[in-house]
Amino acid sequence: MVLVSNAFAPVATEADFRSRYYFAGQQLLDETRREGCVLSPEMPAFVAAMNATGPWTSVPLICVKSRGHFRSGVDEWFAAEQVFELDTVGLISPVLERLPWKGLPRPVYPLDEDIEWAPASK
């Protein structure tokens, strides 16, 4: 199951959600290959990456894409050791060192530790 939420999305009923965005098992895998897939772009990319590694078996998984506060929505159903935070393509990772910086003159603050920075004087 994939849940995507933001402050601008209207509230959906369970029936709305199930009819438009609920995929399970083979149906989820089929949706990742469909032209006009309604899933978050990470899902087709994940399935393609898994397929490239060879045969694999899917397991039940709930993905919540959120750069904001999501734990209050899941903590009553999942223990802390069942929640994994991942840096994915999207808004921006909070860990700047993990981004593939290209064409950026180095060293640069705040990415490089051994650099002194001061604001430009006017």
Protein backbone atom coordinates (compact mmCIF):
# COMPACT_ATOMS: atom_id res chain seq x y z
CA MET A 1 0.00 0.00 0.00
CA VAL A 2 1.24 3.51 -0.77
CA LEU A 3 -0.13 6.54 1.06
CA VAL A 4 0.65 10.04 -0.15
CA SER A 5 -0.66 13.01 1.79
CA ASN A 6 -0.22 16.76 1.73
CA ALA A 7 -1.91 19.85 3.13
CA PHE A 8 -3.62 20.61 -0.19
CA ALA A 9 -5.21 17.20 -0.79
CA PRO A 10 -8.92 16.91 -0.03
CA VAL A 11 -9.98 14.38 2.57
CA ALA A 12 -10.81 11.06 0.90
CA THR A 13 -13.16 8.39 2.16
CA GLU A 14 -11.92 4.84 2.45
CA ALA A 15 -14.07 3.90 -0.55
CA ASP A 16 -12.49 6.71 -2.64
CA PHE A 17 -9.01 5.62 -1.63
CA ARG A 18 -9.63 1.92 -2.32
CA SER A 19 -11.21 2.59 -5.72
CA ARG A 20 -8.39 4.85 -6.94
CA TYR A 21 -5.15 4.16 -5.09
CA TYR A 22 -5.25 0.87 -3.21
CA PHE A 23 -3.16 -1.83 -4.84
CA ALA A 24 -2.04 -5.11 -3.33
CA GLY A 25 -0.06 -8.11 -4.48
CA GLN A 26 0.19 -8.62 -8.23
CA GLN A 27 -2.13 -5.67 -8.84
CA LEU A 28 0.48 -3.36 -7.29
CA LEU A 29 3.26 -4.80 -9.45
CA ASP A 30 1.07 -4.49 -12.55
CA GLU A 31 0.32 -0.83 -11.75
CA THR A 32 4.05 -0.02 -11.60
CA ARG A 33 4.35 -1.14 -15.26
CA ARG A 34 1.21 0.65 -16.50
CA GLU A 35 1.45 3.79 -18.65
CA GLY A 36 0.05 6.61 -16.51
CA CYS A 37 0.80 4.81 -13.23
CA VAL A 38 -0.89 6.63 -10.32
CA LEU A 39 1.69 5.54 -7.77
CA SER A 40 4.49 7.69 -6.45
CA PRO A 41 7.42 7.59 -8.95
CA GLU A 42 9.56 5.73 -6.44
CA MET A 43 7.41 2.58 -6.72
CA PRO A 44 8.00 1.84 -10.43
CA ALA A 45 11.70 2.65 -9.91
CA PHE A 46 11.85 0.32 -6.89
CA VAL A 47 10.19 -2.54 -8.79
CA ALA A 48 12.50 -2.02 -11.78
CA ALA A 49 15.55 -2.06 -9.49
CA MET A 50 14.35 -5.23 -7.77
CA ASN A 51 13.64 -6.90 -11.12
CA ALA A 52 17.18 -6.06 -12.25
CA THR A 53 18.62 -8.01 -9.31
CA GLY A 54 16.91 -11.25 -10.34
CA PRO A 55 13.91 -13.14 -8.97
CA TRP A 56 12.40 -11.67 -5.82
CA THR A 57 9.29 -12.05 -3.67
CA SER A 58 7.23 -9.06 -2.59
CA VAL A 59 6.15 -8.75 1.04
CA PRO A 60 3.48 -6.58 2.71
CA LEU A 61 4.74 -3.03 3.06
CA ILE A 62 3.27 0.37 3.82
CA CYS A 63 5.11 3.38 2.35
CA VAL A 64 4.42 6.90 3.53
CA LYS A 65 6.14 9.63 1.55
CA SER A 66 6.40 12.59 3.85
CA ARG A 67 8.97 15.27 4.53
CA GLY A 68 6.76 16.47 7.33
CA HIS A 69 5.58 14.92 10.55
CA PHE A 70 4.20 11.43 9.87
CA ARG A 71 4.99 9.46 13.04
CA SER A 72 1.85 10.52 14.88
CA GLY A 73 -0.14 8.86 12.11
CA VAL A 74 1.64 5.52 12.34
CA ASP A 75 3.05 5.16 15.85
CA GLU A 76 -0.03 3.51 17.33
CA TRP A 77 0.19 0.67 14.77
CA PHE A 78 3.95 0.28 14.26
CA ALA A 79 6.80 -0.04 16.73
CA ALA A 80 9.81 2.25 16.23
CA GLU A 81 11.92 -0.65 14.89
CA GLN A 82 9.32 -1.23 12.14
CA VAL A 83 9.61 2.32 10.74
CA PHE A 84 12.45 3.10 8.33
CA GLU A 85 13.18 6.58 7.08
CA LEU A 86 14.62 6.70 3.56
CA ASP A 87 16.09 9.49 1.47
CA THR A 88 14.34 9.36 -1.89
CA VAL A 89 13.98 11.54 -4.92
CA GLY A 90 11.45 14.19 -4.11
CA LEU A 91 11.40 17.43 -2.19
CA ILE A 92 14.90 17.27 -0.67
CA SER A 93 16.86 15.06 1.64
CA PRO A 94 17.66 16.55 5.03
CA VAL A 95 21.11 14.92 4.70
CA LEU A 96 22.81 17.10 2.09
CA GLU A 97 25.92 14.89 1.96
CA ARG A 98 23.84 12.09 0.39
CA LEU A 99 22.86 14.13 -2.67
CA PRO A 100 24.90 13.61 -5.87
CA TRP A 101 26.41 17.07 -6.21
CA LYS A 102 27.77 17.66 -9.73
CA GLY A 103 29.59 20.73 -11.04
CA LEU A 104 29.74 22.29 -7.58
CA PRO A 105 33.08 23.96 -6.82
CA ARG A 106 34.53 22.44 -3.67
CA PRO A 107 35.06 23.01 -0.82
CA VAL A 108 31.71 24.60 -0.05
CA TYR A 109 29.85 25.33 3.17
CA PRO A 110 27.97 23.46 4.69
CA LEU A 111 28.88 20.28 2.78
CA ASP A 112 32.58 20.21 3.57
CA GLU A 113 33.71 20.01 7.17
CA ASP A 114 37.11 21.72 6.84
CA ILE A 115 36.00 25.10 5.59
CA GLU A 116 35.57 28.40 7.34
CA TRP A 117 32.59 30.45 6.29
CA ALA A 118 31.72 34.05 6.92
CA PRO A 119 28.93 36.12 5.38
CA ALA A 120 30.05 38.54 2.68
CA SER A 121 30.53 42.06 3.93
CA LYS A 122 28.45 44.80 2.37
